[in-house]
Each structure stands twice: as structure tokens, then as C-alpha cells.
């Protein structure tokens, strides 16, 4: 077996990364939708902290995807417009 051939371990690691990416993507979108609903109700306390948490998840997501699939962090002023990108 050459070093270029994938192993069972490589396949398992790739599968785990795919599952983590999928879970992060769904979690990020769900949290952004929740935050949008809260801001529509006038609840803005803790928004910055919540978006910091979302951004940490986005950073992790970006570690797991190729450069072409990376996404930018969200900000208080623009997070609503970025929800669609996470569908």
C-alpha cells in the first residue's frame, strides 16, 4: 500500500468531518434564525455574545471545508442577511 492510498482511518476521519460540518451548518443557521426572531421581538440583550458564539462555530466550520466553501463571520448589523447563506 502506498502513502497516497486512503486508509480506513482516513475514510473514518473524513466521514467524521462531513458529519461535523453538517451539524455545524445546521446549528449556525438555527441559531441565526433564533436570534432574528428575538431581535424582531425587541430582545437584543446578549446579542453580541450570542453572535460571538456563532462566529466561533463559523471559524470551526471554516477549518473543516476547502477555501472555496469558507464563509465570513457575522455581525450585529448584517447577521439577518446571512441566514440564507447557511441553508
N, C-alpha and C. Protein backbone atom coordinates (compact mmCIF):
# COMPACT_ATOMS: atom_id res chain seq x y z
N UNK A 1 0.85 -1.18 0.00
CA UNK A 1 0.00 0.00 0.00
C UNK A 1 0.89 1.24 0.00
N UNK A 2 0.60 2.17 -0.91
CA UNK A 2 1.40 3.40 -0.97
C UNK A 2 0.81 4.42 0.00
N UNK A 3 1.59 5.45 0.25
CA UNK A 3 1.13 6.51 1.15
C UNK A 3 -0.02 7.30 0.58
N UNK A 4 -0.20 7.27 -0.73
CA UNK A 4 -1.26 8.04 -1.38
C UNK A 4 -2.62 7.36 -1.27
N UNK A 5 -2.64 6.08 -0.97
CA UNK A 5 -3.90 5.35 -0.89
C UNK A 5 -4.61 5.65 0.42
N UNK A 6 -5.91 5.95 0.35
CA UNK A 6 -6.65 6.21 1.59
C UNK A 6 -6.77 4.93 2.43
N UNK A 7 -6.77 5.13 3.71
CA UNK A 7 -6.91 4.00 4.63
C UNK A 7 -8.29 4.06 5.26
N UNK A 8 -8.59 3.04 6.01
CA UNK A 8 -9.86 3.01 6.74
C UNK A 8 -9.92 4.16 7.73
N UNK A 9 -8.80 4.47 8.35
CA UNK A 9 -8.75 5.58 9.30
C UNK A 9 -9.01 6.90 8.57
N UNK A 10 -8.40 7.08 7.39
CA UNK A 10 -8.64 8.30 6.61
C UNK A 10 -10.12 8.44 6.26
N UNK A 11 -10.73 7.36 5.85
CA UNK A 11 -12.15 7.38 5.49
C UNK A 11 -13.01 7.71 6.71
N UNK A 12 -12.67 7.16 7.85
CA UNK A 12 -13.43 7.43 9.07
C UNK A 12 -13.27 8.88 9.49
N UNK A 13 -12.06 9.42 9.37
CA UNK A 13 -11.84 10.83 9.71
C UNK A 13 -12.60 11.75 8.77
N UNK A 14 -12.62 11.43 7.49
CA UNK A 14 -13.35 12.25 6.52
C UNK A 14 -14.86 12.19 6.80
N UNK A 15 -15.36 11.03 7.13
CA UNK A 15 -16.78 10.88 7.47
C UNK A 15 -17.13 11.69 8.70
N UNK A 16 -16.26 11.67 9.70
CA UNK A 16 -16.49 12.46 10.92
C UNK A 16 -16.49 13.95 10.60
N UNK A 17 -15.60 14.38 9.72
CA UNK A 17 -15.53 15.79 9.35
C UNK A 17 -16.80 16.21 8.60
N UNK A 18 -17.28 15.34 7.73
CA UNK A 18 -18.52 15.63 7.00
C UNK A 18 -19.69 15.78 7.97
N UNK A 19 -19.77 14.88 8.92
CA UNK A 19 -20.86 14.94 9.90
C UNK A 19 -20.75 16.20 10.76
N UNK A 20 -19.53 16.56 11.17
CA UNK A 20 -19.36 17.77 11.98
C UNK A 20 -19.71 19.02 11.18
N UNK A 21 -19.29 19.07 9.91
CA UNK A 21 -19.63 20.22 9.05
C UNK A 21 -21.14 20.37 8.93
N UNK A 22 -21.81 19.26 8.70
CA UNK A 22 -23.27 19.28 8.54
C UNK A 22 -23.95 19.76 9.82
N UNK A 23 -23.50 19.24 10.94
CA UNK A 23 -24.09 19.64 12.23
C UNK A 23 -23.82 21.12 12.51
N UNK A 24 -22.61 21.58 12.24
CA UNK A 24 -22.28 22.99 12.47
C UNK A 24 -23.12 23.89 11.58
N UNK A 25 -23.25 23.52 10.32
CA UNK A 25 -24.04 24.33 9.38
C UNK A 25 -25.48 24.47 9.86
N UNK A 26 -26.06 23.37 10.27
CA UNK A 26 -27.44 23.39 10.75
C UNK A 26 -27.55 24.20 12.05
N UNK A 27 -26.61 24.01 12.95
CA UNK A 27 -26.61 24.72 14.23
C UNK A 27 -26.46 26.23 14.03
N UNK A 28 -25.56 26.61 13.14
CA UNK A 28 -25.35 28.04 12.86
C UNK A 28 -26.62 28.65 12.30
N UNK A 29 -27.22 28.00 11.33
CA UNK A 29 -28.45 28.53 10.74
C UNK A 29 -29.56 28.64 11.77
N UNK A 30 -29.76 27.58 12.55
CA UNK A 30 -30.82 27.59 13.56
C UNK A 30 -30.61 28.71 14.57
N UNK A 31 -29.38 28.92 14.99
CA UNK A 31 -29.10 29.97 15.98
C UNK A 31 -29.33 31.35 15.38
N UNK A 32 -28.94 31.55 14.13
CA UNK A 32 -29.17 32.84 13.49
C UNK A 32 -30.67 33.12 13.36
N UNK A 33 -31.44 32.10 13.01
CA UNK A 33 -32.90 32.27 12.92
C UNK A 33 -33.48 32.62 14.29
N UNK A 34 -33.02 31.94 15.34
CA UNK A 34 -33.47 32.26 16.70
C UNK A 34 -33.15 33.70 17.06
N UNK A 35 -31.94 34.13 16.76
CA UNK A 35 -31.54 35.49 17.09
C UNK A 35 -32.34 36.52 16.30
N UNK A 36 -32.66 36.20 15.06
CA UNK A 36 -33.51 37.09 14.26
C UNK A 36 -34.87 37.25 14.92
N UNK A 37 -35.47 36.14 15.33
CA UNK A 37 -36.79 36.18 15.97
C UNK A 37 -36.74 37.00 17.26
N UNK A 38 -35.69 36.80 18.04
CA UNK A 38 -35.56 37.56 19.29
C UNK A 38 -35.42 39.06 19.02
N UNK A 39 -34.62 39.43 18.03
CA UNK A 39 -34.46 40.85 17.74
C UNK A 39 -35.75 41.46 17.20
N UNK A 40 -36.52 40.67 16.46
CA UNK A 40 -37.82 41.15 15.97
C UNK A 40 -38.77 41.43 17.13
N UNK A 41 -38.59 40.70 18.22
CA UNK A 41 -39.42 40.92 19.42
C UNK A 41 -38.84 42.01 20.31
N UNK A 42 -37.72 42.57 19.90
CA UNK A 42 -37.10 43.65 20.67
C UNK A 42 -36.10 43.18 21.71
N UNK A 43 -35.81 41.91 21.74
CA UNK A 43 -34.85 41.37 22.70
C UNK A 43 -33.47 41.42 22.06
N UNK A 44 -32.65 42.35 22.53
CA UNK A 44 -31.31 42.49 21.95
C UNK A 44 -30.20 42.28 22.98
N UNK A 45 -30.57 42.14 24.24
CA UNK A 45 -29.56 41.89 25.26
C UNK A 45 -28.84 40.57 25.01
N UNK A 46 -27.55 40.60 25.02
CA UNK A 46 -26.76 39.40 24.80
C UNK A 46 -26.55 39.05 23.34
N UNK A 47 -27.02 39.90 22.44
CA UNK A 47 -26.88 39.61 21.01
C UNK A 47 -25.41 39.49 20.61
N UNK A 48 -24.60 40.42 21.06
CA UNK A 48 -23.17 40.40 20.70
C UNK A 48 -22.51 39.11 21.18
N UNK A 49 -22.81 38.70 22.41
CA UNK A 49 -22.23 37.46 22.94
C UNK A 49 -22.71 36.24 22.15
N UNK A 50 -23.98 36.25 21.79
CA UNK A 50 -24.53 35.13 21.02
C UNK A 50 -23.88 35.06 19.64
N UNK A 51 -23.66 36.22 19.03
CA UNK A 51 -23.02 36.23 17.72
C UNK A 51 -21.55 35.83 17.82
N UNK A 52 -20.90 36.15 18.93
CA UNK A 52 -19.52 35.68 19.15
C UNK A 52 -19.49 34.15 19.16
N UNK A 53 -20.49 33.55 19.81
CA UNK A 53 -20.57 32.10 19.85
C UNK A 53 -20.80 31.53 18.45
N UNK A 54 -21.68 32.16 17.69
CA UNK A 54 -21.93 31.74 16.32
C UNK A 54 -20.64 31.87 15.50
N UNK A 55 -19.92 32.95 15.69
CA UNK A 55 -18.69 33.15 14.93
C UNK A 55 -17.62 32.11 15.27
N UNK A 56 -17.58 31.67 16.50
CA UNK A 56 -16.65 30.58 16.85
C UNK A 56 -17.02 29.31 16.09
N UNK A 57 -18.31 29.07 15.95
CA UNK A 57 -18.76 27.90 15.18
C UNK A 57 -18.44 28.06 13.70
N UNK A 58 -18.58 29.28 13.19
CA UNK A 58 -18.22 29.54 11.79
C UNK A 58 -16.73 29.32 11.57
N UNK A 59 -15.92 29.76 12.52
CA UNK A 59 -14.47 29.54 12.41
C UNK A 59 -14.15 28.05 12.38
N UNK A 60 -14.81 27.27 13.21
CA UNK A 60 -14.60 25.82 13.21
C UNK A 60 -15.06 25.22 11.88
N UNK A 61 -16.22 25.65 11.40
CA UNK A 61 -16.73 25.19 10.11
C UNK A 61 -15.70 25.47 9.02
N UNK A 62 -15.13 26.67 9.03
CA UNK A 62 -14.15 27.05 8.02
C UNK A 62 -12.88 26.20 8.08
N UNK A 63 -12.56 25.69 9.25
CA UNK A 63 -11.40 24.80 9.38
C UNK A 63 -11.65 23.45 8.69
N UNK A 64 -12.92 23.10 8.53
CA UNK A 64 -13.28 21.79 8.01
C UNK A 64 -13.60 21.76 6.51
N UNK A 65 -13.64 22.92 5.89
CA UNK A 65 -14.03 22.98 4.47
C UNK A 65 -12.89 23.56 3.63
N UNK A 66 -12.92 23.29 2.32
CA UNK A 66 -11.93 23.90 1.43
C UNK A 66 -12.11 25.42 1.39
N UNK A 67 -11.08 26.12 0.98
CA UNK A 67 -11.12 27.59 0.92
C UNK A 67 -12.34 28.11 0.16
N UNK A 68 -12.71 27.43 -0.91
CA UNK A 68 -13.82 27.90 -1.74
C UNK A 68 -15.17 27.86 -1.04
N UNK A 69 -15.26 27.10 0.06
CA UNK A 69 -16.53 26.96 0.78
C UNK A 69 -16.56 27.73 2.10
N UNK A 70 -15.50 28.45 2.39
CA UNK A 70 -15.45 29.18 3.66
C UNK A 70 -16.42 30.35 3.66
N UNK A 71 -16.89 30.68 4.84
CA UNK A 71 -17.87 31.76 4.99
C UNK A 71 -17.35 32.78 5.99
N UNK A 72 -17.80 33.99 5.81
CA UNK A 72 -17.37 35.06 6.70
C UNK A 72 -18.14 35.05 8.01
N UNK A 73 -17.55 35.70 8.98
CA UNK A 73 -18.20 35.85 10.29
C UNK A 73 -19.39 36.79 10.16
N UNK A 74 -20.27 36.73 11.15
CA UNK A 74 -21.47 37.56 11.15
C UNK A 74 -21.31 38.72 12.13
N UNK A 75 -22.04 39.78 11.87
CA UNK A 75 -22.02 40.97 12.72
C UNK A 75 -23.44 41.35 13.08
N UNK A 76 -23.58 42.13 14.13
CA UNK A 76 -24.92 42.56 14.58
C UNK A 76 -25.71 43.21 13.45
N UNK A 77 -25.01 43.99 12.64
CA UNK A 77 -25.68 44.77 11.59
C UNK A 77 -26.10 43.92 10.39
N UNK A 78 -25.49 42.76 10.22
CA UNK A 78 -25.71 42.02 8.97
C UNK A 78 -26.10 40.56 9.13
N UNK A 79 -26.25 40.08 10.35
CA UNK A 79 -26.46 38.63 10.50
C UNK A 79 -27.75 38.15 9.86
N UNK A 80 -28.79 38.96 9.85
CA UNK A 80 -30.07 38.54 9.26
C UNK A 80 -29.90 38.24 7.77
N UNK A 81 -29.15 39.07 7.07
CA UNK A 81 -28.95 38.87 5.64
C UNK A 81 -28.10 37.65 5.33
N UNK A 82 -27.40 37.11 6.32
CA UNK A 82 -26.53 35.98 6.09
C UNK A 82 -27.19 34.62 6.41
N UNK A 83 -28.42 34.68 6.91
CA UNK A 83 -29.11 33.43 7.25
C UNK A 83 -29.26 32.54 6.02
N UNK A 84 -29.63 33.13 4.91
CA UNK A 84 -29.87 32.37 3.69
C UNK A 84 -28.62 31.61 3.25
N UNK A 85 -27.46 32.16 3.49
CA UNK A 85 -26.21 31.50 3.08
C UNK A 85 -25.98 30.20 3.83
N UNK A 86 -26.66 30.02 4.96
CA UNK A 86 -26.47 28.82 5.77
C UNK A 86 -27.54 27.77 5.54
N UNK A 87 -28.37 27.93 4.51
CA UNK A 87 -29.41 26.94 4.21
C UNK A 87 -28.83 25.78 3.44
